[in-house]
Protein backbone atom coordinates (compact mmCIF):
# COMPACT_ATOMS: atom_id res chain seq x y z
CA MET A 1 39.76 -86.66 177.00
CA LYS A 2 42.70 -85.71 179.19
CA PRO A 3 44.81 -88.55 180.60
CA PRO A 4 44.87 -89.36 184.33
CA PRO A 5 47.57 -87.43 186.22
CA ASP A 6 50.95 -89.10 186.58
CA TRP A 7 51.98 -86.77 189.41
CA ASP A 8 51.04 -83.65 191.40
CA PRO A 9 53.70 -80.88 191.17
CA LEU A 10 52.28 -79.22 194.32
CA SER A 11 52.10 -82.33 196.49
CA PRO A 12 53.92 -82.19 199.86
CA GLU A 13 56.30 -84.92 198.65
CA VAL A 14 57.38 -82.87 195.63
CA LEU A 15 57.62 -79.56 197.49
CA ARG A 16 59.65 -81.17 200.29
CA ASP A 17 62.54 -81.83 197.88
CA GLN A 18 61.87 -80.55 194.38
CA ARG A 19 65.16 -81.70 192.87
CA ALA A 20 64.76 -85.24 194.15
CA ALA A 21 61.16 -85.33 192.92
CA TYR A 22 62.08 -84.13 189.44
CA ASP A 23 64.97 -86.60 189.30
CA LYS A 24 62.53 -89.39 190.17
CA MET A 25 60.09 -88.30 187.47
CA ARG A 26 62.88 -88.18 184.87
CA GLU A 27 63.76 -91.80 185.61
CA CYS A 28 60.30 -93.34 186.09
CA CYS A 29 57.98 -91.14 183.99
CA PRO A 30 60.02 -88.77 181.78
CA VAL A 31 56.98 -87.51 179.87
CA ALA A 32 54.30 -86.97 182.49
CA TYR A 33 50.83 -85.45 182.71
CA SER A 34 49.47 -83.32 185.56
CA ASP A 35 46.44 -81.11 186.01
CA LEU A 36 48.65 -78.12 186.86
CA MET A 37 51.21 -78.30 184.05
CA GLN A 38 49.59 -80.67 181.55
CA TRP A 39 52.64 -82.31 179.87
CA SER A 40 56.07 -82.18 181.53
CA LEU A 41 59.39 -83.10 179.93
CA PHE A 42 62.21 -84.11 182.30
CA ARG A 43 64.91 -85.67 180.11
CA HIS A 44 67.68 -83.54 178.64
CA ARG A 45 67.12 -84.83 175.09
CA ASP A 46 63.37 -84.15 175.22
CA VAL A 47 63.83 -80.64 176.59
CA LEU A 48 66.47 -79.95 173.95
CA ARG A 49 64.11 -81.17 171.23
CA ALA A 50 61.43 -78.74 172.36
CA LEU A 51 63.93 -75.88 172.49
CA HIS A 52 65.09 -76.40 168.91
CA ASP A 53 61.84 -77.48 167.22
CA THR A 54 60.09 -74.12 166.98
CA GLU A 55 57.71 -75.49 164.35
CA SER A 56 56.24 -77.92 166.89
CA PHE A 57 56.60 -75.95 170.14
CA SER A 58 55.44 -72.36 170.55
CA ASN A 59 56.62 -69.82 173.13
CA ALA A 60 53.39 -67.84 172.82
CA VAL A 61 51.91 -69.30 176.01
CA SER A 62 50.43 -66.22 177.68
CA SER A 63 47.31 -64.21 176.96
CA HIS A 64 49.40 -61.12 177.82
CA LEU A 65 51.98 -59.56 175.51
CA SER A 66 55.40 -61.03 176.35
CA VAL A 67 58.31 -59.42 174.46
CA PRO A 68 60.35 -61.19 173.17
CA ASN A 69 60.42 -64.55 175.00
CA GLY A 70 56.70 -65.14 174.60
CA MET A 71 56.92 -64.87 170.81
CA ASP A 72 57.77 -67.10 167.86
CA PRO A 73 59.58 -66.24 164.62
CA PRO A 74 59.39 -63.93 162.76
CA GLU A 75 58.13 -61.62 165.56
CA HIS A 76 60.63 -63.01 168.04
CA THR A 77 63.51 -62.44 165.62
CA GLU A 78 62.66 -58.77 165.13
CA TYR A 79 62.21 -57.95 168.82
CA ARG A 80 65.22 -60.01 169.86
CA ARG A 81 67.40 -58.01 167.44
CA ALA A 82 66.24 -54.80 169.09
CA ILE A 83 67.11 -55.80 172.66
CA GLU A 84 70.31 -57.86 172.32
CA LYS A 85 72.46 -54.73 172.05
CA TYR A 86 71.76 -53.95 175.72
CA PHE A 87 73.76 -57.01 176.78
CA GLU A 88 76.82 -56.49 174.57
CA PRO A 89 80.30 -56.90 176.15
CA ARG A 90 80.97 -53.15 176.10
CA ARG A 91 77.85 -52.40 178.13
CA MET A 92 78.63 -55.18 180.59
CA ALA A 93 82.18 -53.89 181.09
CA GLU A 94 80.89 -50.35 181.69
CA PHE A 95 78.32 -51.58 184.21
CA GLU A 96 80.72 -53.71 186.28
CA SER A 97 82.04 -50.94 188.54
CA ASN A 98 78.50 -49.84 189.43
CA LEU A 99 77.55 -53.42 190.14
CA ARG A 100 80.61 -53.99 192.32
CA GLU A 101 79.80 -50.95 194.43
CA ILE A 102 76.34 -52.37 195.16
CA ALA A 103 77.69 -55.84 195.98
CA ALA A 104 80.55 -54.56 198.14
CA ALA A 105 78.26 -52.42 200.29
CA LEU A 106 75.81 -55.27 200.90
CA VAL A 107 78.56 -57.78 201.76
CA HIS A 108 80.17 -55.26 204.13
CA ALA A 109 76.84 -54.75 205.92
CA ALA A 110 76.30 -58.51 206.18
CA LEU A 111 79.75 -59.02 207.70
CA ALA A 112 78.98 -56.43 210.36
CA GLU A 113 76.16 -58.66 211.57
CA GLY A 114 78.31 -61.79 211.73
CA GLU A 115 75.32 -64.09 211.51
CA VAL A 116 73.01 -63.19 208.63
CA GLU A 117 69.94 -64.45 206.82
CA LEU A 118 71.43 -64.18 203.36
CA MET A 119 68.28 -64.07 201.24
CA ASP A 120 66.67 -61.02 202.86
CA ALA A 121 69.89 -59.27 203.88
CA MET A 122 71.83 -59.61 200.64
CA ALA A 123 70.54 -61.82 197.82
CA LEU A 124 67.21 -60.11 197.17
CA PRO A 125 68.45 -56.54 197.80
CA PHE A 126 71.41 -57.10 195.50
CA ALA A 127 69.24 -58.50 192.70
CA ALA A 128 66.76 -55.61 192.98
CA ARG A 129 69.37 -52.83 193.28
CA ALA A 130 71.39 -54.27 190.41
CA GLN A 131 68.28 -54.34 188.25
CA CYS A 132 67.43 -50.74 189.10
CA ALA A 133 70.99 -49.65 188.34
CA PHE A 134 71.05 -51.49 185.03
CA LEU A 135 67.75 -50.01 183.90
CA GLY A 136 68.51 -46.51 185.23
CA TRP A 137 65.72 -46.57 187.79
CA PRO A 138 65.79 -44.80 191.18
CA PRO A 139 67.43 -47.01 193.84
CA ASP A 140 64.42 -46.65 196.13
CA LEU A 141 62.37 -48.72 193.66
CA GLY A 142 64.40 -51.76 194.75
CA GLU A 143 62.38 -52.57 197.87
CA MET A 144 59.13 -52.16 195.94
CA LEU A 145 60.38 -54.58 193.26
CA VAL A 146 61.34 -57.17 195.90
CA ARG A 147 57.86 -57.02 197.42
CA TRP A 148 56.26 -57.21 193.98
CA THR A 149 58.38 -60.22 193.00
CA GLU A 150 57.49 -62.09 196.20
CA GLN A 151 53.77 -61.34 195.80
CA ASN A 152 53.83 -62.43 192.16
CA SER A 153 55.52 -65.72 193.08
CA GLN A 154 52.92 -66.34 195.79
CA ALA A 155 50.05 -65.62 193.38
CA ILE A 156 51.47 -68.07 190.82
CA ARG A 157 51.94 -70.75 193.48
CA CYS A 158 48.32 -70.34 194.62
CA GLN A 159 47.12 -70.25 190.98
CA ASP A 160 45.36 -66.98 191.79
CA ARG A 161 44.82 -65.54 188.32
CA SER A 162 43.03 -62.50 189.68
CA ALA A 163 46.02 -61.62 191.87
CA VAL A 164 48.45 -62.22 188.99
CA SER A 165 46.45 -59.83 186.79
CA GLN A 166 46.27 -57.22 189.56
CA LEU A 167 50.01 -57.43 190.10
CA ALA A 168 50.58 -57.05 186.35
CA ARG A 169 48.55 -53.83 186.45
CA GLU A 170 50.56 -52.60 189.44
CA PHE A 171 53.79 -53.21 187.56
CA GLU A 172 52.43 -51.36 184.54
CA ALA A 173 51.71 -48.39 186.81
CA ILE A 174 55.28 -48.46 188.15
CA ILE A 175 56.69 -48.48 184.62
CA ALA A 176 54.30 -45.78 183.47
CA GLY A 177 55.69 -43.52 186.19
CA VAL A 178 59.27 -44.29 185.16
CA LEU A 179 58.54 -43.57 181.47
CA GLU A 180 56.70 -40.36 182.29
CA GLU A 181 59.67 -39.15 184.34
CA ARG A 182 61.99 -39.90 181.40
CA LEU A 183 59.85 -37.83 179.05
CA ARG A 184 59.58 -34.99 181.54
CA SER A 185 63.34 -34.86 182.16
CA GLY A 186 64.25 -34.96 178.48
CA ALA A 187 66.43 -38.06 178.91
CA THR A 188 68.27 -39.34 175.83
CA PRO A 189 68.87 -42.93 174.65
CA ASP A 190 72.48 -42.75 175.86
CA ASP A 191 71.39 -41.96 179.42
CA ASP A 192 70.11 -45.41 180.43
CA VAL A 193 68.60 -48.66 179.17
CA THR A 194 64.99 -47.65 179.81
CA THR A 195 65.27 -44.47 177.73
CA GLY A 196 67.08 -46.47 175.07
CA LEU A 197 64.12 -48.84 174.81
CA MET A 198 61.81 -45.85 174.41
CA HIS A 199 63.66 -45.05 171.18
CA GLU A 200 63.92 -48.58 169.78
CA LYS A 201 62.11 -49.53 166.60
CA VAL A 202 60.57 -52.75 165.25
CA TRP A 203 59.11 -53.16 161.78
CA GLY A 204 60.18 -49.55 161.14
CA ARG A 205 58.09 -48.04 163.95
CA PRO A 206 58.86 -47.13 167.59
CA PHE A 207 58.18 -49.54 170.46
CA SER A 208 54.73 -48.95 171.92
CA ASN A 209 54.40 -48.28 175.66
CA GLU A 210 52.81 -51.71 176.01
CA GLU A 211 55.83 -53.32 174.38
CA ILE A 212 58.27 -51.39 176.58
CA VAL A 213 56.34 -52.42 179.70
CA SER A 214 56.39 -56.04 178.55
CA VAL A 215 60.17 -56.04 177.99
CA LEU A 216 60.83 -54.42 181.35
CA ARG A 217 58.43 -56.75 183.17
CA ASN A 218 60.04 -59.83 181.64
CA TRP A 219 63.52 -58.62 182.51
CA THR A 220 62.53 -57.70 186.07
CA VAL A 221 60.55 -60.84 186.88
CA GLY A 222 63.19 -63.08 185.38
CA GLU A 223 66.18 -61.23 186.80
CA ILE A 224 65.34 -60.49 190.44
CA GLY A 225 63.94 -63.88 191.40
CA SER A 226 66.50 -65.98 189.53
CA ILE A 227 69.56 -63.92 190.58
CA ALA A 228 68.54 -63.97 194.25
CA SER A 229 67.86 -67.69 194.04
CA ALA A 230 71.23 -68.32 192.37
CA ILE A 231 73.12 -66.36 195.04
CA GLY A 232 71.49 -68.45 197.76
CA ILE A 233 72.29 -71.69 195.94
CA LEU A 234 75.93 -70.71 195.41
CA ALA A 235 76.44 -69.63 199.02
CA HIS A 236 74.75 -72.80 200.31
CA PHE A 237 76.85 -75.06 198.07
CA LEU A 238 80.10 -73.44 199.16
CA ALA A 239 79.09 -73.58 202.83
CA GLN A 240 78.99 -77.36 202.36
CA ASP A 241 82.34 -77.50 200.54
CA ASN A 242 85.00 -75.53 202.39
CA GLU A 243 87.77 -76.84 200.12
CA LEU A 244 86.06 -75.47 197.00
CA GLN A 245 85.24 -72.24 198.82
CA GLN A 246 88.91 -71.72 199.67
CA GLN A 247 90.02 -72.67 196.15
CA LEU A 248 87.74 -70.02 194.65
CA ARG A 249 88.89 -67.48 197.23
CA ALA A 250 92.49 -68.11 196.16
CA GLN A 251 91.68 -68.38 192.42
CA PRO A 252 88.68 -66.16 191.61
CA VAL A 253 89.44 -66.60 187.89
CA LEU A 254 87.78 -70.02 188.26
CA LEU A 255 84.47 -68.51 189.35
CA PRO A 256 82.64 -68.41 185.97
CA VAL A 257 83.07 -72.15 185.40
CA ALA A 258 82.32 -72.98 189.04
CA ILE A 259 79.15 -70.87 189.10
CA ASP A 260 77.70 -72.51 185.99
CA GLU A 261 78.51 -75.99 187.30
CA ILE A 262 77.00 -75.37 190.75
CA LEU A 263 73.86 -73.96 189.13
CA ARG A 264 73.67 -77.01 186.87
CA ILE A 265 73.56 -79.20 189.96
CA HIS A 266 70.98 -76.97 191.67
CA GLY A 267 69.20 -74.78 189.17
CA PRO A 268 67.67 -71.41 190.13
CA LEU A 269 64.81 -71.85 187.62
CA ILE A 270 62.30 -74.69 187.84
CA SER A 271 60.75 -74.72 184.40
CA SER A 272 59.32 -72.83 181.45
CA ARG A 273 56.30 -73.42 179.23
CA ARG A 274 55.54 -74.13 175.60
CA ILE A 275 52.39 -74.89 173.58
CA ALA A 276 52.28 -77.82 171.16
CA LEU A 277 51.59 -76.49 167.66
CA ARG A 278 50.74 -79.92 166.28
CA ASP A 279 50.22 -83.48 167.45
CA ILE A 280 53.54 -84.82 168.77
CA GLU A 281 54.77 -88.10 170.19
CA ILE A 282 57.55 -88.03 172.78
CA GLY A 283 58.64 -91.00 174.85
CA GLY A 284 55.65 -93.01 173.73
CA ARG A 285 53.20 -90.32 174.93
CA LYS A 286 50.93 -88.46 172.52
CA ILE A 287 50.68 -84.72 173.01
CA ALA A 288 47.85 -83.03 171.13
CA ALA A 289 48.10 -79.70 169.35
CA GLY A 290 47.17 -76.89 171.72
CA GLU A 291 48.25 -78.66 174.90
CA ARG A 292 50.74 -77.08 177.29
CA VAL A 293 54.23 -78.53 177.64
CA THR A 294 56.48 -77.73 180.61
CA LEU A 295 60.25 -77.98 180.24
CA HIS A 296 61.96 -78.91 183.52
CA TRP A 297 65.38 -77.29 183.56
CA ILE A 298 66.49 -78.78 186.86
CA ALA A 299 65.73 -82.36 185.85
CA ALA A 300 67.30 -81.96 182.40
CA ASN A 301 70.52 -80.54 183.83
CA ARG A 302 70.83 -83.49 186.23
CA ASP A 303 70.27 -86.17 183.56
CA GLY A 304 72.82 -88.95 184.01
CA ASP A 305 72.62 -89.82 180.31
CA VAL A 306 74.28 -86.47 179.60
CA PHE A 307 76.20 -85.62 182.78
CA GLU A 308 78.19 -88.44 184.35
CA GLU A 309 77.68 -88.44 188.15
CA PRO A 310 75.26 -85.52 187.77
CA GLU A 311 75.20 -84.54 191.47
CA THR A 312 78.99 -84.25 191.60
CA PHE A 313 80.81 -80.96 191.01
CA ARG A 314 83.29 -81.38 188.16
CA TRP A 315 85.53 -78.94 186.34
CA ASP A 316 85.58 -80.88 183.07
CA ARG A 317 81.90 -80.68 182.07
CA ASP A 318 80.91 -79.88 178.48
CA ALA A 319 79.55 -76.35 179.00
CA SER A 320 77.54 -76.54 175.75
CA LYS A 321 75.22 -79.14 177.32
CA ASN A 322 74.36 -77.02 180.35
CA LEU A 323 70.82 -75.64 179.93
CA LEU A 324 71.16 -73.06 182.70
CA TYR A 325 70.31 -70.26 180.25
CA GLY A 326 68.34 -72.38 177.79
CA ALA A 327 69.31 -73.15 174.21
CA GLY A 328 68.26 -72.42 170.66
CA ILE A 329 66.75 -69.17 169.44
CA HIS A 330 65.21 -68.45 172.84
CA VAL A 331 68.45 -68.76 174.83
CA CYS A 332 68.34 -66.10 177.54
CA PRO A 333 69.42 -62.74 176.04
CA GLY A 334 70.27 -61.49 179.54
CA ALA A 335 72.75 -64.32 180.24
CA PRO A 336 75.79 -61.95 179.98
CA LEU A 337 74.26 -59.68 182.62
CA ALA A 338 73.32 -62.59 184.90
CA ARG A 339 76.82 -64.07 184.64
CA LEU A 340 78.36 -60.67 185.40
CA GLU A 341 76.14 -60.11 188.43
CA LEU A 342 76.85 -63.56 189.88
CA ARG A 343 80.59 -63.32 189.30
CA VAL A 344 80.84 -59.89 190.91
CA VAL A 345 78.74 -60.72 193.96
CA MET A 346 80.65 -63.96 194.56
CA GLU A 347 83.98 -62.16 194.13
CA GLU A 348 82.92 -59.69 196.81
CA LEU A 349 81.65 -62.42 199.15
CA LEU A 350 84.88 -64.38 198.82
CA SER A 351 87.30 -61.43 198.97
CA GLN A 352 85.68 -59.84 202.04
CA THR A 353 85.47 -63.07 204.05
CA ALA A 354 87.81 -65.75 205.34
CA LEU A 355 85.02 -68.34 205.62
CA TRP A 356 81.28 -68.75 205.76
CA GLU A 357 79.37 -71.70 207.16
CA PHE A 358 75.86 -72.59 208.25
CA ALA A 359 74.58 -70.85 211.38
CA PRO A 360 73.95 -73.37 214.18
CA ASP A 361 70.35 -74.27 215.02
CA ARG A 362 69.06 -72.40 211.96
CA PRO A 363 68.81 -74.92 209.13
CA PRO A 364 68.22 -73.73 205.56
CA VAL A 365 64.60 -73.59 204.45
CA ALA A 366 64.02 -74.65 200.85
CA ALA A 367 61.97 -72.48 198.51
CA VAL A 368 58.92 -74.07 196.91
CA TYR A 369 57.35 -73.91 193.46
CA PRO A 370 57.47 -71.74 191.42
CA ALA A 371 60.75 -70.79 193.13
CA SER A 372 63.95 -72.76 193.56
CA GLY A 373 66.81 -72.38 195.99
CA PHE A 374 66.15 -71.22 199.54
CA ALA A 375 63.47 -69.21 201.28
CA SER A 376 65.79 -68.77 204.25
CA LEU A 377 69.56 -69.29 204.55
CA TRP A 378 71.29 -68.35 207.78
CA LEU A 379 75.09 -68.14 207.57
CA GLN A 380 77.94 -67.25 209.86
CA MET A 381 80.40 -65.05 208.00
CA ARG A 382 83.84 -64.02 209.13
């Protein structure tokens, strides 16, 4: 028999202020049950345990193929080896100029408006265009990917499995068109990331089309939503702290540390899932084999047992404890790309402006589960 719910992740109280709600759960009920998520872990040490104990917690949580993050060893190890090369330092360095061109154009357009809704005008377009450029896709796919990402988030929030499946099929059709164009044009692995994936091998055989689609879907879903969310969070935080904003404008070399610390305080990702492989006891609660376990990144990264004064920005944090990109064997392979994108877009925002602040009479509107950050963020930029 399932236990009575300890909380409702979709209640108005939780959705009104997700960070505060997750903080409260971490302190009063750190291992909690709900009908939506089954078991939730909120403490840093419990989340870290699940990340490292791959014999007790499985990443294979979906009925759909999910390469490689929805896999366990040894499959995960093989696929991970095949894709990690696409995020090597050399590739990131080569991609930076392309990325900067995209960011600079969007910031310039935003400044022309003076007062701008950052999410629609810059954050989402940047995330989508950057993803298209990285994968070698036509730029005009960007708007389609933004719409698809928003529809997918809405379907997940409404627990509409039919809509989620339909959207998955739509994405497969998009990718099928991209792959067909690559074959028709005679593209080579050196031309772009997508063609490179078409020539990758696992277990001594080429990637199947289904595997390529899965990799590209995971990268796109994870990248566009989280990068856009992170840009909004960073801009919002700096609009509240003019002193830090000016310090970063004067010393952009500090941006990588500042970005990771701001996103520790307000994470762009809510959670991720696991499946218990065997009966487990955590925090005095018994989790049965086969039950779902949700790892709450935001709550873990604001745990006062690990981060002194967790809501305060500090330069001297132990970066190894920050779970922004996960930990263990499933640590985000795309972290180098995400860090590059966020650094470049913030460099352009800071270098092209003297100041940004909240637009009067247009308060920020928080995003709601499964998203974090802001649904709307009006800023005055000059």
